[in-house]
Every structure is written in C-alpha cells, then in structure tokens.
Amino acid sequence: MRIIDQNGKVFGKINIIDLALILLLLGAVAFAVVKFTKNDTLPILSEEKQEVTLTLWGNALHPFVVEKIKEGDLLRLSKNSAVLGKIVGIRKQPAVLLTSTADGKWVASKVPDKYMVYLDVVGQASKSNETLTIGDIPMLVGVEIEVKGPQYALKGVISDIKVK
C-alpha cells in the first residue's frame, strides 16, 4: 500500500491538500494559544524589605509649599497613600530653569520667588527580582512621583537612591 494513491489521497482517506490545510490550521491555533497565554512577568524569587534613602528633587516650587516642609514629616505617595518615608534632610536653593536665547544658546536662569528643593527621605522598599518598589511604584532614578506631606503636596523626581 502506498502512502499517496493515484487520486492524491493519503492512505486512501484524505486529500493531501486538505491534510496540509488542516496541519497549517492546527499550527496557527497552537501558535495563538502559546502567544496569547504566555505570562511575561517574572516569578517572584524573593521579596524582602530594605531600608533606602531617596533623594527627591523638586524644582520651581512655590515658597508657601517649601515653608511647610519640615524634617521628620512623613511623606506618602499621592497615588495610593503608601508611606514613602520620613524626611531626614532638606536642602533648598533658588529655582533654576533652562531657557534658550534668541541666538539658540541654552542658559540657566533663576526663577524669581520659586525654590529648588532636595528632600532626603528614609523609607522601607520591597525588593523583588532586583527591583525596589514602594507602594507598587518602582524606585528608580528619574522616576517622577507625586507626594503629600501633612500640609502640602508636591511633584518631584527621584535623583538618588542609597540602599542600606
């Protein structure tokens, strides 16, 4: 008995073109199942709490906001009220913005009546798969976060992270 007979049927039962189409369809279904059910998240290897010191940078803040910021204040994330940490250091200076001149040069100019503030904040971050997070926000240099203190709210950028 031959595999393909003179009528083009495999084992005398099914047409070879029909068989190829069925195999192609099964392959496409298998690919779709794998593609759409694949979980891209990494399994959590370990989750531990670590003490971190974040430096939060805010620029062009109003003086009435800066006056309210005190060492010892507890900062929370505005998004979900998770505790970011306690302020342990405050550095303020006149706000500076980059602007371009008429000839296309970039210059730093002081912003009148506004402040640039660096807040050192000590808090507890979860470490999972080598990523530090607080309140489901990754603690990475350059991440912009909105925080609130007892009497104020501000937007800043994480400019430094130290893990103890």
N, C-alpha and C. Protein backbone atom coordinates (compact mmCIF):
# COMPACT_ATOMS: atom_id res chain seq x y z
N MET A 1 0.85 -1.18 0.00
CA MET A 1 0.00 0.00 0.00
C MET A 1 0.89 1.23 0.00
N ARG A 2 0.62 2.16 -0.91
CA ARG A 2 1.39 3.38 -1.00
C ARG A 2 0.77 4.42 -0.07
N ILE A 3 1.64 5.39 0.33
CA ILE A 3 1.17 6.45 1.23
C ILE A 3 0.20 7.37 0.49
N ILE A 4 0.57 7.78 -0.74
CA ILE A 4 -0.32 8.63 -1.55
C ILE A 4 -0.72 7.83 -2.78
N ASP A 5 -2.03 7.65 -2.96
CA ASP A 5 -2.51 6.87 -4.11
C ASP A 5 -2.65 7.75 -5.35
N GLN A 6 -3.15 7.16 -6.47
CA GLN A 6 -3.25 7.90 -7.72
C GLN A 6 -4.28 9.02 -7.68
N ASN A 7 -5.18 9.04 -6.71
CA ASN A 7 -6.16 10.12 -6.58
C ASN A 7 -5.65 11.26 -5.69
N GLY A 8 -4.43 11.15 -5.16
CA GLY A 8 -3.84 12.19 -4.33
C GLY A 8 -4.31 12.15 -2.89
N LYS A 9 -4.74 10.96 -2.45
CA LYS A 9 -5.22 10.84 -1.07
C LYS A 9 -4.16 10.12 -0.23
N VAL A 10 -3.99 10.58 0.99
CA VAL A 10 -3.05 9.96 1.92
C VAL A 10 -3.74 8.76 2.54
N PHE A 11 -3.11 7.57 2.39
CA PHE A 11 -3.64 6.28 2.86
C PHE A 11 -5.06 6.03 2.35
N GLY A 12 -5.39 6.64 1.22
CA GLY A 12 -6.68 6.42 0.59
C GLY A 12 -7.84 7.07 1.33
N LYS A 13 -7.56 7.95 2.30
CA LYS A 13 -8.63 8.51 3.13
C LYS A 13 -8.83 10.02 2.92
N ILE A 14 -7.72 10.81 2.90
CA ILE A 14 -7.85 12.26 2.88
C ILE A 14 -6.95 12.85 1.80
N ASN A 15 -7.44 13.89 1.16
CA ASN A 15 -6.70 14.57 0.10
C ASN A 15 -5.47 15.25 0.72
N ILE A 16 -4.34 15.21 0.02
CA ILE A 16 -3.09 15.78 0.54
C ILE A 16 -3.19 17.29 0.77
N ILE A 17 -3.92 18.01 -0.07
CA ILE A 17 -4.09 19.45 0.11
C ILE A 17 -4.94 19.73 1.35
N ASP A 18 -5.98 18.91 1.55
CA ASP A 18 -6.79 19.06 2.76
C ASP A 18 -5.95 18.80 4.00
N LEU A 19 -5.08 17.80 3.97
CA LEU A 19 -4.21 17.47 5.09
C LEU A 19 -3.26 18.64 5.39
N ALA A 20 -2.70 19.24 4.34
CA ALA A 20 -1.79 20.37 4.53
C ALA A 20 -2.53 21.55 5.17
N LEU A 21 -3.75 21.81 4.72
CA LEU A 21 -4.54 22.90 5.30
C LEU A 21 -4.90 22.63 6.76
N ILE A 22 -5.23 21.40 7.08
CA ILE A 22 -5.56 21.04 8.47
C ILE A 22 -4.33 21.22 9.36
N LEU A 23 -3.16 20.77 8.88
CA LEU A 23 -1.93 20.92 9.67
C LEU A 23 -1.55 22.40 9.85
N LEU A 24 -1.75 23.19 8.81
CA LEU A 24 -1.47 24.61 8.89
C LEU A 24 -2.40 25.29 9.90
N LEU A 25 -3.68 24.93 9.88
CA LEU A 25 -4.65 25.48 10.81
C LEU A 25 -4.33 25.08 12.25
N LEU A 26 -3.96 23.82 12.46
CA LEU A 26 -3.58 23.38 13.81
C LEU A 26 -2.34 24.11 14.31
N GLY A 27 -1.38 24.34 13.42
CA GLY A 27 -0.18 25.09 13.79
C GLY A 27 -0.50 26.52 14.18
N ALA A 28 -1.41 27.16 13.43
CA ALA A 28 -1.80 28.53 13.73
C ALA A 28 -2.52 28.62 15.07
N VAL A 29 -3.38 27.65 15.36
CA VAL A 29 -4.09 27.62 16.64
C VAL A 29 -3.10 27.42 17.78
N ALA A 30 -2.15 26.50 17.61
CA ALA A 30 -1.14 26.26 18.65
C ALA A 30 -0.31 27.52 18.89
N PHE A 31 0.09 28.20 17.82
CA PHE A 31 0.86 29.43 17.96
C PHE A 31 0.05 30.48 18.71
N ALA A 32 -1.22 30.65 18.37
CA ALA A 32 -2.07 31.64 19.03
C ALA A 32 -2.22 31.33 20.52
N VAL A 33 -2.40 30.07 20.85
CA VAL A 33 -2.55 29.69 22.25
C VAL A 33 -1.29 30.03 23.03
N VAL A 34 -0.13 29.70 22.48
CA VAL A 34 1.13 29.99 23.16
C VAL A 34 1.34 31.50 23.26
N LYS A 35 1.09 32.22 22.20
CA LYS A 35 1.33 33.67 22.16
C LYS A 35 0.44 34.42 23.14
N PHE A 36 -0.84 34.10 23.20
CA PHE A 36 -1.77 34.88 24.00
C PHE A 36 -1.93 34.39 25.43
N THR A 37 -1.42 33.24 25.75
CA THR A 37 -1.50 32.77 27.13
C THR A 37 -0.15 32.83 27.83
N LYS A 38 0.87 33.30 27.14
CA LYS A 38 2.21 33.40 27.71
C LYS A 38 2.21 34.51 28.75
N ASN A 39 2.75 34.24 29.93
CA ASN A 39 2.83 35.21 31.00
C ASN A 39 4.21 35.84 30.96
N ASP A 40 4.27 37.16 30.71
CA ASP A 40 5.54 37.86 30.57
C ASP A 40 6.17 38.26 31.90
N THR A 41 5.47 38.09 33.01
CA THR A 41 6.04 38.51 34.28
C THR A 41 6.97 37.44 34.82
N LEU A 42 7.99 37.92 35.49
CA LEU A 42 8.95 37.00 36.10
C LEU A 42 8.38 36.49 37.42
N PRO A 43 8.67 35.25 37.78
CA PRO A 43 8.22 34.78 39.07
C PRO A 43 8.97 35.53 40.18
N ILE A 44 8.29 35.78 41.27
CA ILE A 44 8.92 36.46 42.38
C ILE A 44 9.87 35.49 43.05
N LEU A 45 11.16 35.83 42.99
CA LEU A 45 12.17 34.96 43.59
C LEU A 45 12.20 35.15 45.10
N SER A 46 12.20 36.39 45.52
CA SER A 46 12.14 36.68 46.94
C SER A 46 11.67 38.11 47.11
N GLU A 47 11.01 38.36 48.19
CA GLU A 47 10.57 39.71 48.48
C GLU A 47 11.01 40.02 49.89
N GLU A 48 11.81 41.06 50.00
CA GLU A 48 12.31 41.45 51.30
C GLU A 48 12.24 42.96 51.42
N LYS A 49 12.13 43.44 52.64
CA LYS A 49 12.11 44.88 52.90
C LYS A 49 13.54 45.35 53.11
N GLN A 50 13.86 46.49 52.51
CA GLN A 50 15.18 47.08 52.68
C GLN A 50 15.02 48.56 52.99
N GLU A 51 15.87 49.05 53.86
CA GLU A 51 15.86 50.49 54.15
C GLU A 51 16.59 51.21 53.03
N VAL A 52 15.95 52.24 52.52
CA VAL A 52 16.54 53.03 51.44
C VAL A 52 16.48 54.51 51.80
N THR A 53 17.43 55.25 51.28
CA THR A 53 17.40 56.70 51.38
C THR A 53 17.26 57.24 49.96
N LEU A 54 16.16 57.92 49.73
CA LEU A 54 15.88 58.51 48.42
C LEU A 54 16.15 60.00 48.49
N THR A 55 16.66 60.55 47.42
CA THR A 55 16.72 62.00 47.30
C THR A 55 15.68 62.38 46.26
N LEU A 56 14.73 63.19 46.71
CA LEU A 56 13.64 63.64 45.86
C LEU A 56 13.89 65.09 45.49
N TRP A 57 13.94 65.38 44.19
CA TRP A 57 14.23 66.73 43.70
C TRP A 57 12.97 67.37 43.16
N GLY A 58 12.69 68.57 43.64
CA GLY A 58 11.57 69.35 43.14
C GLY A 58 12.07 70.70 42.70
N ASN A 59 11.60 71.20 41.58
CA ASN A 59 12.08 72.48 41.07
C ASN A 59 10.90 73.42 40.85
N ALA A 60 11.17 74.70 40.99
CA ALA A 60 10.18 75.77 40.79
C ALA A 60 8.98 75.59 41.72
N LEU A 61 9.28 75.28 42.99
CA LEU A 61 8.21 75.14 43.98
C LEU A 61 7.89 76.50 44.60
N HIS A 62 6.63 76.72 44.88
CA HIS A 62 6.19 77.97 45.50
C HIS A 62 6.73 78.07 46.93
N PRO A 63 7.05 79.28 47.38
CA PRO A 63 7.59 79.44 48.73
C PRO A 63 6.62 78.98 49.82
N PHE A 64 5.31 79.13 49.60
CA PHE A 64 4.36 78.71 50.62
C PHE A 64 4.31 77.18 50.77
N VAL A 65 4.74 76.45 49.74
CA VAL A 65 4.86 74.99 49.85
C VAL A 65 6.14 74.64 50.60
N VAL A 66 7.23 75.29 50.21
CA VAL A 66 8.54 74.99 50.81
C VAL A 66 8.53 75.30 52.30
N GLU A 67 7.84 76.36 52.72
CA GLU A 67 7.76 76.73 54.14
C GLU A 67 7.13 75.63 54.98
N LYS A 68 6.24 74.85 54.41
CA LYS A 68 5.53 73.80 55.16
C LYS A 68 6.35 72.52 55.34
N ILE A 69 7.39 72.33 54.52
CA ILE A 69 8.18 71.09 54.56
C ILE A 69 9.10 71.13 55.77
N LYS A 70 9.03 70.10 56.60
CA LYS A 70 9.83 70.02 57.82
C LYS A 70 10.51 68.65 57.92
N GLU A 71 11.71 68.63 58.54
CA GLU A 71 12.35 67.35 58.83
C GLU A 71 11.46 66.58 59.79
N GLY A 72 11.38 65.29 59.57
CA GLY A 72 10.53 64.44 60.40
C GLY A 72 9.15 64.21 59.80
N ASP A 73 8.78 65.00 58.78
CA ASP A 73 7.48 64.80 58.12
C ASP A 73 7.43 63.43 57.46
N LEU A 74 6.27 62.81 57.54
CA LEU A 74 6.04 61.54 56.86
C LEU A 74 5.46 61.83 55.48
N LEU A 75 6.16 61.36 54.44
CA LEU A 75 5.68 61.55 53.07
C LEU A 75 4.93 60.32 52.62
N ARG A 76 3.82 60.54 51.94
CA ARG A 76 3.03 59.46 51.35
C ARG A 76 2.92 59.69 49.86
N LEU A 77 2.75 58.61 49.10
CA LEU A 77 2.51 58.72 47.67
C LEU A 77 1.09 59.22 47.45
N SER A 78 0.93 60.22 46.60
CA SER A 78 -0.41 60.77 46.35
C SER A 78 -1.31 59.74 45.68
N LYS A 79 -0.72 58.87 44.87
CA LYS A 79 -1.49 57.89 44.09
C LYS A 79 -2.27 56.92 44.96
N ASN A 80 -1.64 56.39 46.01
CA ASN A 80 -2.30 55.35 46.79
C ASN A 80 -2.09 55.48 48.29
N SER A 81 -1.53 56.60 48.74
CA SER A 81 -1.27 56.90 50.15
C SER A 81 -0.29 55.95 50.82
N ALA A 82 0.47 55.18 50.05
CA ALA A 82 1.51 54.33 50.64
C ALA A 82 2.59 55.23 51.23
N VAL A 83 3.16 54.80 52.35
CA VAL A 83 4.20 55.58 53.01
C VAL A 83 5.49 55.52 52.20
N LEU A 84 5.98 56.67 51.77
CA LEU A 84 7.26 56.74 51.09
C LEU A 84 8.39 56.73 52.10
N GLY A 85 8.24 57.52 53.15
CA GLY A 85 9.26 57.55 54.20
C GLY A 85 9.23 58.85 54.97
N LYS A 86 10.27 59.02 55.81
CA LYS A 86 10.38 60.19 56.67
C LYS A 86 11.48 61.11 56.13
N ILE A 87 11.20 62.40 56.12
CA ILE A 87 12.19 63.38 55.65
C ILE A 87 13.28 63.50 56.71
N VAL A 88 14.54 63.30 56.29
CA VAL A 88 15.67 63.42 57.21
C VAL A 88 16.61 64.56 56.82
N GLY A 89 16.37 65.16 55.68
CA GLY A 89 17.21 66.28 55.25
C GLY A 89 16.51 67.11 54.20
N ILE A 90 16.71 68.43 54.28
CA ILE A 90 16.11 69.37 53.33
C ILE A 90 17.20 70.34 52.88
N ARG A 91 17.35 70.47 51.57
CA ARG A 91 18.25 71.48 51.01
C ARG A 91 17.45 72.30 50.01
N LYS A 92 17.48 73.61 50.17
CA LYS A 92 16.74 74.45 49.23
C LYS A 92 17.65 75.53 48.68
N GLN A 93 17.36 75.93 47.46
CA GLN A 93 18.10 76.99 46.80
C GLN A 93 17.17 77.62 45.77
N PRO A 94 17.56 78.75 45.21
CA PRO A 94 16.69 79.39 44.20
C PRO A 94 16.47 78.45 43.01
N ALA A 95 15.27 78.47 42.49
CA ALA A 95 14.92 77.61 41.35
C ALA A 95 15.63 78.09 40.10
N VAL A 96 16.02 77.13 39.27
CA VAL A 96 16.72 77.42 38.03
C VAL A 96 16.03 76.65 36.91
N LEU A 97 15.80 77.31 35.80
CA LEU A 97 15.25 76.66 34.61
C LEU A 97 16.16 76.93 33.43
N LEU A 98 16.23 75.99 32.51
CA LEU A 98 16.98 76.19 31.27
C LEU A 98 16.07 76.84 30.24
N THR A 99 16.59 77.89 29.62
CA THR A 99 15.84 78.56 28.56
C THR A 99 16.79 78.82 27.40
N SER A 100 16.24 79.01 26.24
CA SER A 100 17.08 79.31 25.08
C SER A 100 17.01 80.80 24.77
N THR A 101 18.14 81.30 24.31
CA THR A 101 18.21 82.71 23.93
C THR A 101 17.81 82.86 22.47
N ALA A 102 17.73 84.09 22.01
CA ALA A 102 17.33 84.36 20.62
C ALA A 102 18.30 83.75 19.62
N ASP A 103 19.57 83.62 20.02
CA ASP A 103 20.56 83.05 19.10
C ASP A 103 20.69 81.54 19.25
N GLY A 104 19.81 80.89 20.03
CA GLY A 104 19.77 79.43 20.10
C GLY A 104 20.61 78.81 21.20
N LYS A 105 21.25 79.61 22.05
CA LYS A 105 22.06 79.08 23.15
C LYS A 105 21.16 78.78 24.34
N TRP A 106 21.53 77.74 25.08
CA TRP A 106 20.79 77.40 26.29
C TRP A 106 21.48 78.05 27.48
N VAL A 107 20.70 78.69 28.32
CA VAL A 107 21.24 79.33 29.51
C VAL A 107 20.37 78.96 30.71
N ALA A 108 21.02 78.91 31.87
CA ALA A 108 20.28 78.67 33.11
C ALA A 108 19.86 80.02 33.66
N SER A 109 18.59 80.12 34.01
CA SER A 109 18.11 81.38 34.57
C SER A 109 17.36 81.10 35.87
N LYS A 110 17.54 81.99 36.82
CA LYS A 110 16.85 81.86 38.10
C LYS A 110 15.38 82.21 37.92
N VAL A 111 14.55 81.49 38.64
CA VAL A 111 13.11 81.75 38.61
C VAL A 111 12.78 82.56 39.86
N PRO A 112 12.31 83.78 39.68
CA PRO A 112 12.04 84.61 40.86
C PRO A 112 10.93 84.01 41.74
N ASP A 113 11.16 84.08 43.03
CA ASP A 113 10.17 83.68 44.04
C ASP A 113 9.81 82.19 43.99
N LYS A 114 10.71 81.35 43.46
CA LYS A 114 10.48 79.90 43.46
C LYS A 114 11.74 79.22 43.98
N TYR A 115 11.58 77.96 44.43
CA TYR A 115 12.70 77.24 45.03
C TYR A 115 12.91 75.89 44.36
N MET A 116 14.18 75.46 44.39
CA MET A 116 14.56 74.10 44.05
C MET A 116 14.85 73.42 45.39
N VAL A 117 14.27 72.24 45.60
CA VAL A 117 14.40 71.56 46.89
C VAL A 117 14.86 70.13 46.68
N TYR A 118 15.79 69.70 47.51
CA TYR A 118 16.22 68.31 47.59
C TYR A 118 15.78 67.78 48.94
N LEU A 119 14.96 66.74 48.92
CA LEU A 119 14.49 66.11 50.15
C LEU A 119 15.13 64.74 50.28
N ASP A 120 15.82 64.50 51.40
CA ASP A 120 16.34 63.17 51.70
C ASP A 120 15.29 62.45 52.52
N VAL A 121 14.85 61.29 52.02
CA VAL A 121 13.75 60.55 52.63
C VAL A 121 14.20 59.13 52.92
N VAL A 122 14.02 58.68 54.17
CA VAL A 122 14.36 57.31 54.55
C VAL A 122 13.06 56.51 54.63
N GLY A 123 13.03 55.38 53.93
CA GLY A 123 11.82 54.55 53.93
C GLY A 123 12.16 53.08 53.74
N GLN A 124 11.11 52.27 53.70
CA GLN A 124 11.24 50.83 53.53
C GLN A 124 10.72 50.45 52.14
N ALA A 125 11.59 49.86 51.34
CA ALA A 125 11.21 49.44 49.99
C ALA A 125 11.19 47.92 49.92
N SER A 126 10.29 47.39 49.13
CA SER A 126 10.26 45.95 48.86
C SER A 126 11.21 45.67 47.72
N LYS A 127 12.00 44.62 47.88
CA LYS A 127 12.92 44.25 46.81
C LYS A 127 12.44 42.91 46.26
N SER A 128 12.13 42.91 44.98
CA SER A 128 11.66 41.71 44.32
C SER A 128 12.29 41.66 42.94
N ASN A 129 12.97 40.56 42.64
CA ASN A 129 13.65 40.41 41.34
C ASN A 129 14.56 41.59 41.05
N GLU A 130 15.30 42.04 42.05
CA GLU A 130 16.29 43.11 41.93
C GLU A 130 15.69 44.49 41.71
N THR A 131 14.37 44.65 41.87
CA THR A 131 13.73 45.95 41.71
C THR A 131 13.16 46.39 43.05
N LEU A 132 13.47 47.63 43.42
CA LEU A 132 12.94 48.21 44.64
C LEU A 132 11.61 48.90 44.32
N THR A 133 10.60 48.66 45.15
CA THR A 133 9.31 49.32 44.96
C THR A 133 8.78 49.80 46.29
N ILE A 134 8.04 50.88 46.23
CA ILE A 134 7.28 51.36 47.38
C ILE A 134 5.88 51.66 46.85
N GLY A 135 4.90 51.01 47.44
CA GLY A 135 3.52 51.24 47.02
C GLY A 135 3.29 50.99 45.55
N ASP A 136 3.86 49.96 45.00
CA ASP A 136 3.79 49.49 43.61
C ASP A 136 4.44 50.43 42.59
N ILE A 137 5.20 51.43 43.06
CA ILE A 137 5.94 52.31 42.16
C ILE A 137 7.41 51.93 42.22
N PRO A 138 8.03 51.66 41.07
CA PRO A 138 9.46 51.31 41.10
C PRO A 138 10.30 52.50 41.54
N MET A 139 11.21 52.25 42.44
CA MET A 139 12.10 53.29 42.94
C MET A 139 13.35 53.30 42.06
N LEU A 140 13.30 54.09 41.02
CA LEU A 140 14.38 54.21 40.05
C LEU A 140 14.74 55.68 39.87
N VAL A 141 16.02 55.96 39.70
CA VAL A 141 16.44 57.33 39.44
C VAL A 141 15.76 57.80 38.16
N GLY A 142 15.17 58.97 38.23
CA GLY A 142 14.47 59.54 37.07
C GLY A 142 12.97 59.38 37.11
N VAL A 143 12.46 58.56 38.02
CA VAL A 143 11.01 58.37 38.12
C VAL A 143 10.38 59.60 38.77
N GLU A 144 9.34 60.13 38.14
CA GLU A 144 8.63 61.28 38.68
C GLU A 144 7.50 60.77 39.57
N ILE A 145 7.44 61.31 40.80
CA ILE A 145 6.39 60.88 41.72
C ILE A 145 5.72 62.10 42.35
N GLU A 146 4.49 61.91 42.72
CA GLU A 146 3.75 62.94 43.45
C GLU A 146 3.61 62.46 44.88
N VAL A 147 3.96 63.35 45.82
CA VAL A 147 3.91 63.00 47.23
C VAL A 147 3.09 64.03 47.99
N LYS A 148 2.68 63.64 49.17
CA LYS A 148 1.96 64.57 50.04
C LYS A 148 2.51 64.42 51.45
N GLY A 149 2.64 65.57 52.10
CA GLY A 149 3.05 65.62 53.49
C GLY A 149 1.84 65.97 54.34
N PRO A 150 2.09 66.32 55.60
CA PRO A 150 0.96 66.65 56.47
C PRO A 150 0.14 67.86 56.00
N GLN A 151 0.80 68.86 55.37
CA GLN A 151 0.09 70.07 54.97
C GLN A 151 0.43 70.53 53.56
N TYR A 152 0.96 69.66 52.72
CA TYR A 152 1.41 70.07 51.39
C TYR A 152 1.45 68.87 50.45
N ALA A 153 1.54 69.19 49.18
CA ALA A 153 1.72 68.17 48.14
C ALA A 153 2.69 68.74 47.12
N LEU A 154 3.49 67.86 46.51
CA LEU A 154 4.44 68.31 45.50
C LEU A 154 4.78 67.17 44.56
N LYS A 155 5.31 67.58 43.41
CA LYS A 155 5.75 66.62 42.41
C LYS A 155 7.27 66.71 42.34
N GLY A 156 7.93 65.56 42.33
CA GLY A 156 9.38 65.55 42.28
C GLY A 156 9.91 64.38 41.47
N VAL A 157 11.22 64.36 41.32
CA VAL A 157 11.91 63.31 40.58
C VAL A 157 12.93 62.66 41.51
N ILE A 158 12.98 61.34 41.51
CA ILE A 158 13.98 60.65 42.32
C ILE A 158 15.35 60.88 41.65
N SER A 159 16.25 61.55 42.39
CA SER A 159 17.55 61.88 41.83
C SER A 159 18.68 60.99 42.37
N ASP A 160 18.41 60.26 43.46
CA ASP A 160 19.43 59.37 44.02
C ASP A 160 18.76 58.34 44.91
N ILE A 161 19.35 57.15 44.95
CA ILE A 161 18.86 56.06 45.81
C ILE A 161 20.06 55.41 46.47
N LYS A 162 19.99 55.27 47.78
CA LYS A 162 21.04 54.55 48.51
C LYS A 162 20.37 53.44 49.31
N VAL A 163 20.86 52.23 49.14
CA VAL A 163 20.31 51.08 49.87
C VAL A 163 21.23 50.79 51.03
N LYS A 164 20.64 50.63 52.21
CA LYS A 164 21.46 50.33 53.40
C LYS A 164 21.57 48.84 53.60
